[in-house]
Amino acid sequence: MGVGLPPLEFTECMTDSPYFRENLHKHERELEKTSQQIKRIIKEVKDVLNSAKQLGSAQRSFAECLQAFTFECIGGAQTDDEQVICKSLKEFGHLINSIEDERDRMWWMMGMQ
């Protein structure tokens, strides 16, 4: 954090002194720098929001794969382990979808569907 800029005095403005001009240019440069930083922050936030939307789509796709997972039966029926694995993956897929439903609700509440 810097020292800070000297204030712009109205009385100096009236005389339009070289000191005032130099001080004014310092303020203008600082405003330009601040403006560029704000623009960068806005761009980064937009990038983060777009990435979050892409993550949500990828999560839903992943959840769909988990829920659709099945074993081919060798013999008459699935083993107990196969049934537990299928059930666990299906539940995990439902959990991921629930999380994404909440994320969608947050987007909607923010007005950013």
PDB file of N, CA and C in Angstrom:
ATOM      1  N   MET A   1       0.846  -1.174   0.000  1.00  0.00           N
ATOM      2  CA  MET A   1       0.000   0.000   0.000  1.00  0.00           C
ATOM      3  C   MET A   1       0.889   1.233   0.000  1.00  0.00           C
ATOM      4  N   GLY A   2       0.628   2.150  -0.902  1.00  0.00           N
ATOM      5  CA  GLY A   2       1.446   3.341  -1.042  1.00  0.00           C
ATOM      6  C   GLY A   2       1.124   4.394   0.005  1.00  0.00           C
ATOM      7  N   VAL A   3       1.840   5.492  -0.098  1.00  0.00           N
ATOM      8  CA  VAL A   3       1.683   6.600   0.838  1.00  0.00           C
ATOM      9  C   VAL A   3       0.350   7.296   0.620  1.00  0.00           C
ATOM     10  N   GLY A   4      -0.095   7.393  -0.583  1.00  0.00           N
ATOM     11  CA  GLY A   4      -1.342   8.087  -0.891  1.00  0.00           C
ATOM     12  C   GLY A   4      -1.065   9.343  -1.685  1.00  0.00           C
ATOM     13  N   LEU A   5      -2.099   9.841  -2.277  1.00  0.00           N
ATOM     14  CA  LEU A   5      -1.966  11.035  -3.103  1.00  0.00           C
ATOM     15  C   LEU A   5      -2.267  12.277  -2.278  1.00  0.00           C
ATOM     16  N   PRO A   6      -1.557  13.366  -2.573  1.00  0.00           N
ATOM     17  CA  PRO A   6      -1.898  14.617  -1.893  1.00  0.00           C
ATOM     18  C   PRO A   6      -3.263  15.101  -2.382  1.00  0.00           C
ATOM     19  N   PRO A   7      -4.013  15.754  -1.533  1.00  0.00           N
ATOM     20  CA  PRO A   7      -5.349  16.201  -1.943  1.00  0.00           C
ATOM     21  C   PRO A   7      -5.270  17.276  -3.026  1.00  0.00           C
ATOM     22  N   LEU A   8      -6.312  17.318  -3.829  1.00  0.00           N
ATOM     23  CA  LEU A   8      -6.435  18.381  -4.823  1.00  0.00           C
ATOM     24  C   LEU A   8      -7.153  19.549  -4.152  1.00  0.00           C
ATOM     25  N   GLU A   9      -6.467  20.655  -4.036  1.00  0.00           N
ATOM     26  CA  GLU A   9      -7.026  21.831  -3.362  1.00  0.00           C
ATOM     27  C   GLU A   9      -7.698  22.740  -4.377  1.00  0.00           C
ATOM     28  N   PHE A  10      -8.886  23.201  -4.043  1.00  0.00           N
ATOM     29  CA  PHE A  10      -9.631  24.077  -4.942  1.00  0.00           C
ATOM     30  C   PHE A  10      -8.873  25.379  -5.212  1.00  0.00           C
ATOM     31  N   THR A  11      -8.225  25.902  -4.201  1.00  0.00           N
ATOM     32  CA  THR A  11      -7.484  27.157  -4.393  1.00  0.00           C
ATOM     33  C   THR A  11      -6.343  26.973  -5.390  1.00  0.00           C
ATOM     34  N   GLU A  12      -5.719  25.809  -5.381  1.00  0.00           N
ATOM     35  CA  GLU A  12      -4.656  25.515  -6.354  1.00  0.00           C
ATOM     36  C   GLU A  12      -5.237  25.439  -7.763  1.00  0.00           C
ATOM     37  N   CYS A  13      -6.445  24.954  -7.871  1.00  0.00           N
ATOM     38  CA  CYS A  13      -7.113  24.850  -9.173  1.00  0.00           C
ATOM     39  C   CYS A  13      -7.261  26.239  -9.794  1.00  0.00           C
ATOM     40  N   MET A  14      -7.593  27.197  -8.973  1.00  0.00           N
ATOM     41  CA  MET A  14      -7.809  28.558  -9.475  1.00  0.00           C
ATOM     42  C   MET A  14      -6.518  29.162 -10.034  1.00  0.00           C
ATOM     43  N   THR A  15      -5.397  28.857  -9.413  1.00  0.00           N
ATOM     44  CA  THR A  15      -4.123  29.421  -9.884  1.00  0.00           C
ATOM     45  C   THR A  15      -3.503  28.582 -10.988  1.00  0.00           C
ATOM     46  N   ASP A  16      -3.967  27.329 -11.116  1.00  0.00           N
ATOM     47  CA  ASP A  16      -3.474  26.408 -12.150  1.00  0.00           C
ATOM     48  C   ASP A  16      -1.946  26.322 -12.138  1.00  0.00           C
ATOM     49  N   SER A  17      -1.424  26.132 -10.956  1.00  0.00           N
ATOM     50  CA  SER A  17       0.030  26.087 -10.780  1.00  0.00           C
ATOM     51  C   SER A  17       0.613  24.783 -11.327  1.00  0.00           C
ATOM     52  N   PRO A  18       1.920  24.763 -11.613  1.00  0.00           N
ATOM     53  CA  PRO A  18       2.566  23.518 -12.048  1.00  0.00           C
ATOM     54  C   PRO A  18       2.409  22.411 -11.003  1.00  0.00           C
ATOM     55  N   TYR A  19       2.445  22.782  -9.738  1.00  0.00           N
ATOM     56  CA  TYR A  19       2.240  21.793  -8.665  1.00  0.00           C
ATOM     57  C   TYR A  19       0.853  21.158  -8.797  1.00  0.00           C
ATOM     58  N   PHE A  20      -0.161  22.006  -9.021  1.00  0.00           N
ATOM     59  CA  PHE A  20      -1.524  21.492  -9.166  1.00  0.00           C
ATOM     60  C   PHE A  20      -1.622  20.567 -10.375  1.00  0.00           C
ATOM     61  N   ARG A  21      -1.050  20.970 -11.501  1.00  0.00           N
ATOM     62  CA  ARG A  21      -1.079  20.152 -12.721  1.00  0.00           C
ATOM     63  C   ARG A  21      -0.437  18.787 -12.477  1.00  0.00           C
ATOM     64  N   GLU A  22       0.711  18.787 -11.840  1.00  0.00           N
ATOM     65  CA  GLU A  22       1.409  17.530 -11.553  1.00  0.00           C
ATOM     66  C   GLU A  22       0.564  16.650 -10.630  1.00  0.00           C
ATOM     67  N   ASN A  23       0.006  17.265  -9.617  1.00  0.00           N
ATOM     68  CA  ASN A  23      -0.843  16.541  -8.677  1.00  0.00           C
ATOM     69  C   ASN A  23      -2.078  15.983  -9.388  1.00  0.00           C
ATOM     70  N   LEU A  24      -2.667  16.780 -10.275  1.00  0.00           N
ATOM     71  CA  LEU A  24      -3.836  16.350 -11.040  1.00  0.00           C
ATOM     72  C   LEU A  24      -3.493  15.145 -11.915  1.00  0.00           C
ATOM     73  N   HIS A  25      -2.334  15.170 -12.557  1.00  0.00           N
ATOM     74  CA  HIS A  25      -1.903  14.043 -13.396  1.00  0.00           C
ATOM     75  C   HIS A  25      -1.699  12.777 -12.558  1.00  0.00           C
ATOM     76  N   LYS A  26      -1.184  12.939 -11.348  1.00  0.00           N
ATOM     77  CA  LYS A  26      -1.030  11.782 -10.455  1.00  0.00           C
ATOM     78  C   LYS A  26      -2.390  11.165 -10.145  1.00  0.00           C
ATOM     79  N   HIS A  27      -3.358  12.016  -9.873  1.00  0.00           N
ATOM     80  CA  HIS A  27      -4.709  11.523  -9.585  1.00  0.00           C
ATOM     81  C   HIS A  27      -5.308  10.828 -10.811  1.00  0.00           C
ATOM     82  N   GLU A  28      -5.108  11.408 -11.985  1.00  0.00           N
ATOM     83  CA  GLU A  28      -5.629  10.804 -13.214  1.00  0.00           C
ATOM     84  C   GLU A  28      -5.000   9.436 -13.464  1.00  0.00           C
ATOM     85  N   ARG A  29      -3.687   9.331 -13.262  1.00  0.00           N
ATOM     86  CA  ARG A  29      -3.013   8.039 -13.457  1.00  0.00           C
ATOM     87  C   ARG A  29      -3.539   7.003 -12.464  1.00  0.00           C
ATOM     88  N   GLU A  30      -3.737   7.429 -11.234  1.00  0.00           N
ATOM     89  CA  GLU A  30      -4.249   6.506 -10.216  1.00  0.00           C
ATOM     90  C   GLU A  30      -5.673   6.058 -10.551  1.00  0.00           C
ATOM     91  N   LEU A  31      -6.494   6.975 -11.036  1.00  0.00           N
ATOM     92  CA  LEU A  31      -7.856   6.607 -11.441  1.00  0.00           C
ATOM     93  C   LEU A  31      -7.836   5.621 -12.607  1.00  0.00           C
ATOM     94  N   GLU A  32      -6.945   5.840 -13.557  1.00  0.00           N
ATOM     95  CA  GLU A  32      -6.828   4.922 -14.695  1.00  0.00           C
ATOM     96  C   GLU A  32      -6.382   3.541 -14.224  1.00  0.00           C
ATOM     97  N   LYS A  33      -5.410   3.514 -13.329  1.00  0.00           N
ATOM     98  CA  LYS A  33      -4.931   2.240 -12.780  1.00  0.00           C
ATOM     99  C   LYS A  33      -6.061   1.513 -12.047  1.00  0.00           C
ATOM    100  N   THR A  34      -6.810   2.247 -11.239  1.00  0.00           N
ATOM    101  CA  THR A  34      -7.933   1.661 -10.505  1.00  0.00           C
ATOM    102  C   THR A  34      -8.991   1.139 -11.469  1.00  0.00           C
ATOM    103  N   SER A  35      -9.273   1.907 -12.501  1.00  0.00           N
ATOM    104  CA  SER A  35     -10.253   1.491 -13.505  1.00  0.00           C
ATOM    105  C   SER A  35      -9.829   0.184 -14.178  1.00  0.00           C
ATOM    106  N   GLN A  36      -8.554   0.074 -14.534  1.00  0.00           N
ATOM    107  CA  GLN A  36      -8.049  -1.152 -15.157  1.00  0.00           C
ATOM    108  C   GLN A  36      -8.158  -2.340 -14.208  1.00  0.00           C
ATOM    109  N   GLN A  37      -7.872  -2.114 -12.934  1.00  0.00           N
ATOM    110  CA  GLN A  37      -7.976  -3.201 -11.955  1.00  0.00           C
ATOM    111  C   GLN A  37      -9.424  -3.664 -11.800  1.00  0.00           C
ATOM    112  N   ILE A  38     -10.348  -2.724 -11.784  1.00  0.00           N
ATOM    113  CA  ILE A  38     -11.767  -3.079 -11.670  1.00  0.00           C
ATOM    114  C   ILE A  38     -12.205  -3.869 -12.897  1.00  0.00           C
ATOM    115  N   LYS A  39     -11.777  -3.440 -14.081  1.00  0.00           N
ATOM    116  CA  LYS A  39     -12.114  -4.173 -15.305  1.00  0.00           C
ATOM    117  C   LYS A  39     -11.560  -5.588 -15.258  1.00  0.00           C
ATOM    118  N   ARG A  40     -10.356  -5.742 -14.735  1.00  0.00           N
ATOM    119  CA  ARG A  40      -9.752  -7.076 -14.626  1.00  0.00           C
ATOM    120  C   ARG A  40     -10.542  -7.947 -13.658  1.00  0.00           C
ATOM    121  N   ILE A  41     -10.946  -7.376 -12.532  1.00  0.00           N
ATOM    122  CA  ILE A  41     -11.748  -8.124 -11.559  1.00  0.00           C
ATOM    123  C   ILE A  41     -13.061  -8.568 -12.192  1.00  0.00           C
ATOM    124  N   ILE A  42     -13.717  -7.685 -12.915  1.00  0.00           N
ATOM    125  CA  ILE A  42     -14.985  -8.029 -13.577  1.00  0.00           C
ATOM    126  C   ILE A  42     -14.774  -9.167 -14.559  1.00  0.00           C
ATOM    127  N   LYS A  43     -13.703  -9.099 -15.351  1.00  0.00           N
ATOM    128  CA  LYS A  43     -13.412 -10.170 -16.307  1.00  0.00           C
ATOM    129  C   LYS A  43     -13.185 -11.492 -15.586  1.00  0.00           C
ATOM    130  N   GLU A  44     -12.405 -11.465 -14.510  1.00  0.00           N
ATOM    131  CA  GLU A  44     -12.112 -12.696 -13.764  1.00  0.00           C
ATOM    132  C   GLU A  44     -13.383 -13.279 -13.139  1.00  0.00           C
ATOM    133  N   VAL A  45     -14.251 -12.427 -12.622  1.00  0.00           N
ATOM    134  CA  VAL A  45     -15.514 -12.909 -12.046  1.00  0.00           C
ATOM    135  C   VAL A  45     -16.361 -13.570 -13.126  1.00  0.00           C
ATOM    136  N   LYS A  46     -16.439 -12.954 -14.291  1.00  0.00           N
ATOM    137  CA  LYS A  46     -17.200 -13.557 -15.396  1.00  0.00           C
ATOM    138  C   LYS A  46     -16.614 -14.912 -15.773  1.00  0.00           C
ATOM    139  N   ASP A  47     -15.285 -15.000 -15.828  1.00  0.00           N
ATOM    140  CA  ASP A  47     -14.635 -16.273 -16.142  1.00  0.00           C
ATOM    141  C   ASP A  47     -14.951 -17.332 -15.087  1.00  0.00           C
ATOM    142  N   VAL A  48     -14.922 -16.930 -13.815  1.00  0.00           N
ATOM    143  CA  VAL A  48     -15.235 -17.872 -12.730  1.00  0.00           C
ATOM    144  C   VAL A  48     -16.680 -18.349 -12.845  1.00  0.00           C
ATOM    145  N   LEU A  49     -17.603 -17.433 -13.120  1.00  0.00           N
ATOM    146  CA  LEU A  49     -19.012 -17.816 -13.236  1.00  0.00           C
ATOM    147  C   LEU A  49     -19.239 -18.753 -14.422  1.00  0.00           C
ATOM    148  N   ASN A  50     -18.590 -18.469 -15.544  1.00  0.00           N
ATOM    149  CA  ASN A  50     -18.713 -19.362 -16.702  1.00  0.00           C
ATOM    150  C   ASN A  50     -18.127 -20.734 -16.394  1.00  0.00           C
ATOM    151  N   SER A  51     -17.000 -20.757 -15.710  1.00  0.00           N
ATOM    152  CA  SER A  51     -16.394 -22.038 -15.329  1.00  0.00           C
ATOM    153  C   SER A  51     -17.292 -22.804 -14.368  1.00  0.00           C
ATOM    154  N   ALA A  52     -17.946 -22.094 -13.463  1.00  0.00           N
ATOM    155  CA  ALA A  52     -18.861 -22.748 -12.524  1.00  0.00           C
ATOM    156  C   ALA A  52     -20.034 -23.379 -13.270  1.00  0.00           C
ATOM    157  N   LYS A  53     -20.528 -22.698 -14.294  1.00  0.00           N
ATOM    158  CA  LYS A  53     -21.620 -23.270 -15.097  1.00  0.00           C
ATOM    159  C   LYS A  53     -21.142 -24.524 -15.830  1.00  0.00           C
ATOM    160  N   GLN A  54     -19.935 -24.473 -16.380  1.00  0.00           N
ATOM    161  CA  GLN A  54     -19.388 -25.645 -17.067  1.00  0.00           C
ATOM    162  C   GLN A  54     -19.165 -26.787 -16.089  1.00  0.00           C
ATOM    163  N   LEU A  55     -18.701 -26.460 -14.891  1.00  0.00           N
ATOM    164  CA  LEU A  55     -18.526 -27.484 -13.864  1.00  0.00           C
ATOM    165  C   LEU A  55     -19.861 -28.134 -13.541  1.00  0.00           C
ATOM    166  N   GLY A  56     -20.913 -27.339 -13.420  1.00  0.00           N
ATOM    167  CA  GLY A  56     -22.241 -27.879 -13.136  1.00  0.00           C
ATOM    168  C   GLY A  56     -22.689 -28.859 -14.212  1.00  0.00           C
ATOM    169  N   SER A  57     -22.460 -28.524 -15.464  1.00  0.00           N
ATOM    170  CA  SER A  57     -22.826 -29.428 -16.564  1.00  0.00           C
ATOM    171  C   SER A  57     -22.018 -30.717 -16.498  1.00  0.00           C
ATOM    172  N   ALA A  58     -20.729 -30.589 -16.224  1.00  0.00           N
ATOM    173  CA  ALA A  58     -19.875 -31.780 -16.120  1.00  0.00           C
ATOM    174  C   ALA A  58     -20.295 -32.644 -14.935  1.00  0.00           C
ATOM    175  N   GLN A  59     -20.656 -32.015 -13.818  1.00  0.00           N
ATOM    176  CA  GLN A  59     -21.103 -32.762 -12.639  1.00  0.00           C
ATOM    177  C   GLN A  59     -22.382 -33.534 -12.950  1.00  0.00           C
ATOM    178  N   ARG A  60     -23.319 -32.895 -13.643  1.00  0.00           N
ATOM    179  CA  ARG A  60     -24.576 -33.584 -13.991  1.00  0.00           C
ATOM    180  C   ARG A  60     -24.307 -34.767 -14.922  1.00  0.00           C
ATOM    181  N   SER A  61     -23.408 -34.579 -15.869  1.00  0.00           N
ATOM    182  CA  SER A  61     -23.054 -35.668 -16.776  1.00  0.00           C
ATOM    183  C   SER A  61     -22.419 -36.823 -16.006  1.00  0.00           C
ATOM    184  N   PHE A  62     -21.534 -36.491 -15.081  1.00  0.00           N
ATOM    185  CA  PHE A  62     -20.894 -37.500 -14.240  1.00  0.00           C
ATOM    186  C   PHE A  62     -21.936 -38.233 -13.398  1.00  0.00           C
ATOM    187  N   ALA A  63     -22.865 -37.490 -12.816  1.00  0.00           N
ATOM    188  CA  ALA A  63     -23.924 -38.093 -11.994  1.00  0.00           C
ATOM    189  C   ALA A  63     -24.774 -39.048 -12.828  1.00  0.00           C
ATOM    190  N   GLU A  64     -25.052 -38.652 -14.054  1.00  0.00           N
ATOM    191  CA  GLU A  64     -25.841 -39.505 -14.948  1.00  0.00           C
ATOM    192  C   GLU A  64     -25.116 -40.825 -15.214  1.00  0.00           C
ATOM    193  N   CYS A  65     -23.818 -40.758 -15.446  1.00  0.00           N
ATOM    194  CA  CYS A  65     -23.027 -41.977 -15.663  1.00  0.00           C
ATOM    195  C   CYS A  65     -23.049 -42.876 -14.430  1.00  0.00           C
ATOM    196  N   LEU A  66     -22.919 -42.263 -13.262  1.00  0.00           N
ATOM    197  CA  LEU A  66     -22.949 -43.054 -12.027  1.00  0.00           C
ATOM    198  C   LEU A  66     -24.294 -43.744 -11.848  1.00  0.00           C
ATOM    199  N   GLN A  67     -25.368 -43.013 -12.117  1.00  0.00           N
ATOM    200  CA  GLN A  67     -26.702 -43.571 -11.919  1.00  0.00           C
ATOM    201  C   GLN A  67     -27.024 -44.661 -12.933  1.00  0.00           C
ATOM    202  N   ALA A  68     -26.415 -44.595 -14.095  1.00  0.00           N
ATOM    203  CA  ALA A  68     -26.688 -45.588 -15.138  1.00  0.00           C
ATOM    204  C   ALA A  68     -25.774 -46.810 -15.046  1.00  0.00           C
ATOM    205  N   PHE A  69     -24.825 -46.803 -14.119  1.00  0.00           N
ATOM    206  CA  PHE A  69     -23.851 -47.887 -14.018  1.00  0.00           C
ATOM    207  C   PHE A  69     -24.533 -49.202 -13.641  1.00  0.00           C
ATOM    208  N   THR A  70     -24.196 -50.256 -14.382  1.00  0.00           N
ATOM    209  CA  THR A  70     -24.682 -51.608 -14.059  1.00  0.00           C
ATOM    210  C   THR A  70     -23.595 -52.616 -14.397  1.00  0.00           C
ATOM    211  N   PHE A  71     -23.678 -53.757 -13.746  1.00  0.00           N
ATOM    212  CA  PHE A  71     -22.804 -54.883 -14.062  1.00  0.00           C
ATOM    213  C   PHE A  71     -23.583 -55.846 -14.946  1.00  0.00           C
ATOM    214  N   GLU A  72     -22.895 -56.448 -15.901  1.00  0.00           N
ATOM    215  CA  GLU A  72     -23.488 -57.558 -16.643  1.00  0.00           C
ATOM    216  C   GLU A  72     -23.459 -58.776 -15.733  1.00  0.00           C
ATOM    217  N   CYS A  73     -24.560 -59.435 -15.651  1.00  0.00           N
ATOM    218  CA  CYS A  73     -24.643 -60.612 -14.776  1.00  0.00           C
ATOM    219  C   CYS A  73     -23.911 -61.793 -15.404  1.00  0.00           C
ATOM    220  N   ILE A  74     -23.078 -62.397 -14.603  1.00  0.00           N
ATOM    221  CA  ILE A  74     -22.467 -63.665 -14.995  1.00  0.00           C
ATOM    222  C   ILE A  74     -23.207 -64.713 -14.186  1.00  0.00           C
ATOM    223  N   GLY A  75     -23.942 -65.507 -14.859  1.00  0.00           N
ATOM    224  CA  GLY A  75     -24.791 -66.458 -14.146  1.00  0.00           C
ATOM    225  C   GLY A  75     -26.194 -65.881 -14.023  1.00  0.00           C
ATOM    226  N   GLY A  76     -26.887 -66.295 -12.979  1.00  0.00           N
ATOM    227  CA  GLY A  76     -28.293 -65.933 -12.834  1.00  0.00           C
ATOM    228  C   GLY A  76     -28.556 -64.553 -12.272  1.00  0.00           C
ATOM    229  N   ALA A  77     -27.701 -64.035 -11.384  1.00  0.00           N
ATOM    230  CA  ALA A  77     -28.001 -62.760 -10.722  1.00  0.00           C
ATOM    231  C   ALA A  77     -26.705 -62.073 -10.293  1.00  0.00           C
ATOM    232  N   GLN A  78     -26.845 -60.806  -9.944  1.00  0.00           N
ATOM    233  CA  GLN A  78     -25.685 -60.057  -9.455  1.00  0.00           C
ATOM    234  C   GLN A  78     -25.299 -60.547  -8.062  1.00  0.00           C
ATOM    235  N   THR A  79     -24.013 -60.450  -7.783  1.00  0.00           N
ATOM    236  CA  THR A  79     -23.548 -60.801  -6.438  1.00  0.00           C
ATOM    237  C   THR A  79     -23.951 -59.688  -5.473  1.00  0.00           C
ATOM    238  N   ASP A  80     -23.837 -59.978  -4.192  1.00  0.00           N
ATOM    239  CA  ASP A  80     -24.156 -58.957  -3.185  1.00  0.00           C
ATOM    240  C   ASP A  80     -23.256 -57.733  -3.353  1.00  0.00           C
ATOM    241  N   ASP A  81     -21.971 -57.954  -3.598  1.00  0.00           N
ATOM    242  CA  ASP A  81     -21.037 -56.841  -3.786  1.00  0.00           C
ATOM    243  C   ASP A  81     -21.425 -55.996  -4.996  1.00  0.00           C
ATOM    244  N   GLU A  82     -21.786 -56.630  -6.080  1.00  0.00           N
ATOM    245  CA  GLU A  82     -22.194 -55.897  -7.280  1.00  0.00           C
ATOM    246  C   GLU A  82     -23.437 -55.054  -7.004  1.00  0.00           C
ATOM    247  N   GLN A  83     -24.370 -55.602  -6.265  1.00  0.00           N
ATOM    248  CA  GLN A  83     -25.583 -54.856  -5.924  1.00  0.00           C
ATOM    249  C   GLN A  83     -25.259 -53.647  -5.046  1.00  0.00           C
ATOM    250  N   VAL A  84     -24.360 -53.855  -4.071  1.00  0.00           N
ATOM    251  CA  VAL A  84     -23.963 -52.749  -3.185  1.00  0.00           C
ATOM    252  C   VAL A  84     -23.254 -51.652  -3.986  1.00  0.00           C
ATOM    253  N   ILE A  85     -22.368 -52.056  -4.890  1.00  0.00           N
ATOM    254  CA  ILE A  85     -21.642 -51.075  -5.712  1.00  0.00           C
ATOM    255  C   ILE A  85     -22.621 -50.276  -6.568  1.00  0.00           C
ATOM    256  N   CYS A  86     -23.535 -50.967  -7.239  1.00  0.00           N
ATOM    257  CA  CYS A  86     -24.512 -50.277  -8.097  1.00  0.00           C
ATOM    258  C   CYS A  86     -25.372 -49.310  -7.286  1.00  0.00           C
ATOM    259  N   LYS A  87     -25.836 -49.769  -6.133  1.00  0.00           N
ATOM    260  CA  LYS A  87     -26.677 -48.925  -5.279  1.00  0.00           C
ATOM    261  C   LYS A  87     -25.891 -47.707  -4.786  1.00  0.00           C
ATOM    262  N   SER A  88     -24.647 -47.915  -4.384  1.00  0.00           N
ATOM    263  CA  SER A  88     -23.815 -46.812  -3.887  1.00  0.00           C
ATOM    264  C   SER A  88     -23.556 -45.775  -4.976  1.00  0.00           C
ATOM    265  N   LEU A  89     -23.237 -46.243  -6.175  1.00  0.00           N
ATOM    266  CA  LEU A  89     -22.991 -45.311  -7.274  1.00  0.00           C
ATOM    267  C   LEU A  89     -24.255 -44.532  -7.627  1.00  0.00           C
ATOM    268  N   LYS A  90     -25.391 -45.213  -7.614  1.00  0.00           N
ATOM    269  CA  LYS A  90     -26.665 -44.552  -7.902  1.00  0.00           C
ATOM    270  C   LYS A  90     -26.953 -43.469  -6.848  1.00  0.00           C
ATOM    271  N   GLU A  91     -26.734 -43.793  -5.573  1.00  0.00           N
ATOM    272  CA  GLU A  91     -26.960 -42.815  -4.504  1.00  0.00           C
ATOM    273  C   GLU A  91     -25.993 -41.637  -4.624  1.00  0.00           C
ATOM    274  N   PHE A  92     -24.749 -41.936  -4.961  1.00  0.00           N
ATOM    275  CA  PHE A  92     -23.770 -40.870  -5.138  1.00  0.00           C
ATOM    276  C   PHE A  92     -24.188 -39.957  -6.289  1.00  0.00           C
ATOM    277  N   GLY A  93     -24.683 -40.547  -7.365  1.00  0.00           N
ATOM    278  CA  GLY A  93     -25.188 -39.762  -8.497  1.00  0.00           C
ATOM    279  C   GLY A  93     -26.349 -38.868  -8.086  1.00  0.00           C
ATOM    280  N   HIS A  94     -27.257 -39.406  -7.265  1.00  0.00           N
ATOM    281  CA  HIS A  94     -28.380 -38.599  -6.769  1.00  0.00           C
ATOM    282  C   HIS A  94     -27.873 -37.446  -5.902  1.00  0.00           C
ATOM    283  N   LEU A  95     -26.881 -37.720  -5.079  1.00  0.00           N
ATOM    284  CA  LEU A  95     -26.312 -36.682  -4.220  1.00  0.00           C
ATOM    285  C   LEU A  95     -25.696 -35.558  -5.061  1.00  0.00           C
ATOM    286  N   ILE A  96     -24.948 -35.925  -6.074  1.00  0.00           N
ATOM    287  CA  ILE A  96     -24.347 -34.917  -6.961  1.00  0.00           C
ATOM    288  C   ILE A  96     -25.438 -34.096  -7.638  1.00  0.00           C
ATOM    289  N   ASN A  97     -26.498 -34.758  -8.093  1.00  0.00           N
ATOM    290  CA  ASN A  97     -27.606 -34.024  -8.716  1.00  0.00           C
ATOM    291  C   ASN A  97     -28.277 -33.078  -7.723  1.00  0.00           C
ATOM    292  N   SER A  98     -28.398 -33.504  -6.476  1.00  0.00           N
ATOM    293  CA  SER A  98     -28.986 -32.626  -5.450  1.00  0.00           C
ATOM    294  C   SER A  98     -28.129 -31.380  -5.251  1.00  0.00           C
ATOM    295  N   ILE A  99     -26.827 -31.575  -5.236  1.00  0.00           N
ATOM    296  CA  ILE A  99     -25.913 -30.434  -5.100  1.00  0.00           C
ATOM    297  C   ILE A  99     -26.072 -29.494  -6.290  1.00  0.00           C
ATOM    298  N   GLU A 100     -26.158 -30.064  -7.476  1.00  0.00           N
ATOM    299  CA  GLU A 100     -26.314 -29.236  -8.677  1.00  0.00           C
ATOM    300  C   GLU A 100     -27.673 -28.542  -8.703  1.00  0.00           C
ATOM    301  N   ASP A 101     -28.712 -29.203  -8.172  1.00  0.00           N
ATOM    302  CA  ASP A 101     -30.023 -28.547  -8.071  1.00  0.00           C
ATOM    303  C   ASP A 101     -29.924 -27.307  -7.182  1.00  0.00           C
ATOM    304  N   GLU A 102     -29.200 -27.429  -6.078  1.00  0.00           N
ATOM    305  CA  GLU A 102     -29.012 -26.286  -5.181  1.00  0.00           C
ATOM    306  C   GLU A 102     -28.192 -25.192  -5.858  1.00  0.00           C
ATOM    307  N   ARG A 103     -27.189 -25.589  -6.614  1.00  0.00           N
ATOM    308  CA  ARG A 103     -26.387 -24.597  -7.346  1.00  0.00           C
ATOM    309  C   ARG A 103     -27.275 -23.860  -8.353  1.00  0.00           C
ATOM    310  N   ASP A 104     -28.137 -24.612  -9.051  1.00  0.00           N
ATOM    311  CA  ASP A 104     -29.063 -23.986 -10.002  1.00  0.00           C
ATOM    312  C   ASP A 104     -30.005 -23.017  -9.293  1.00  0.00           C
ATOM    313  N   ARG A 105     -30.470 -23.398  -8.112  1.00  0.00           N
ATOM    314  CA  ARG A 105     -31.335 -22.514  -7.337  1.00  0.00           C
ATOM    315  C   ARG A 105     -30.595 -21.215  -6.965  1.00  0.00           C
ATOM    316  N   MET A 106     -29.330 -21.355  -6.606  1.00  0.00           N
ATOM    317  CA  MET A 106     -28.535 -20.162  -6.277  1.00  0.00           C
ATOM    318  C   MET A 106     -28.396 -19.260  -7.503  1.00  0.00           C
ATOM    319  N   TRP A 107     -28.132 -19.871  -8.674  1.00  0.00           N
ATOM    320  CA  TRP A 107     -28.032 -19.088  -9.916  1.00  0.00           C
ATOM    321  C   TRP A 107     -29.344 -18.347 -10.154  1.00  0.00           C
ATOM    322  N   TRP A 108     -30.443 -19.076  -9.980  1.00  0.00           N
ATOM    323  CA  TRP A 108     -31.749 -18.490 -10.239  1.00  0.00           C
ATOM    324  C   TRP A 108     -32.003 -17.322  -9.287  1.00  0.00           C
ATOM    325  N   MET A 109     -31.668 -17.516  -8.008  1.00  0.00           N
ATOM    326  CA  MET A 109     -31.889 -16.455  -7.017  1.00  0.00           C
ATOM    327  C   MET A 109     -31.010 -15.236  -7.295  1.00  0.00           C
ATOM    328  N   MET A 110     -29.853 -15.462  -7.886  1.00  0.00           N
ATOM    329  CA  MET A 110     -28.968 -14.352  -8.241  1.00  0.00           C
ATOM    330  C   MET A 110     -29.393 -13.721  -9.562  1.00  0.00           C
ATOM    331  N   GLY A 111     -30.349 -14.364 -10.243  1.00  0.00           N
ATOM    332  CA  GLY A 111     -30.791 -13.848 -11.533  1.00  0.00           C
ATOM    333  C   GLY A 111     -29.814 -14.113 -12.650  1.00  0.00           C
ATOM    334  N   MET A 112     -29.037 -15.216 -12.532  1.00  0.00           N
ATOM    335  CA  MET A 112     -27.975 -15.483 -13.504  1.00  0.00           C
ATOM    336  C   MET A 112     -28.140 -16.837 -14.180  1.00  0.00           C
ATOM    337  N   GLN A 113     -29.345 -17.246 -14.401  1.00  0.00           N
ATOM    338  CA  GLN A 113     -29.566 -18.582 -14.956  1.00  0.00           C
ATOM    339  C   GLN A 113     -28.724 -18.817 -16.147  1.00  0.00           C
TER     340      GLN A 113
END
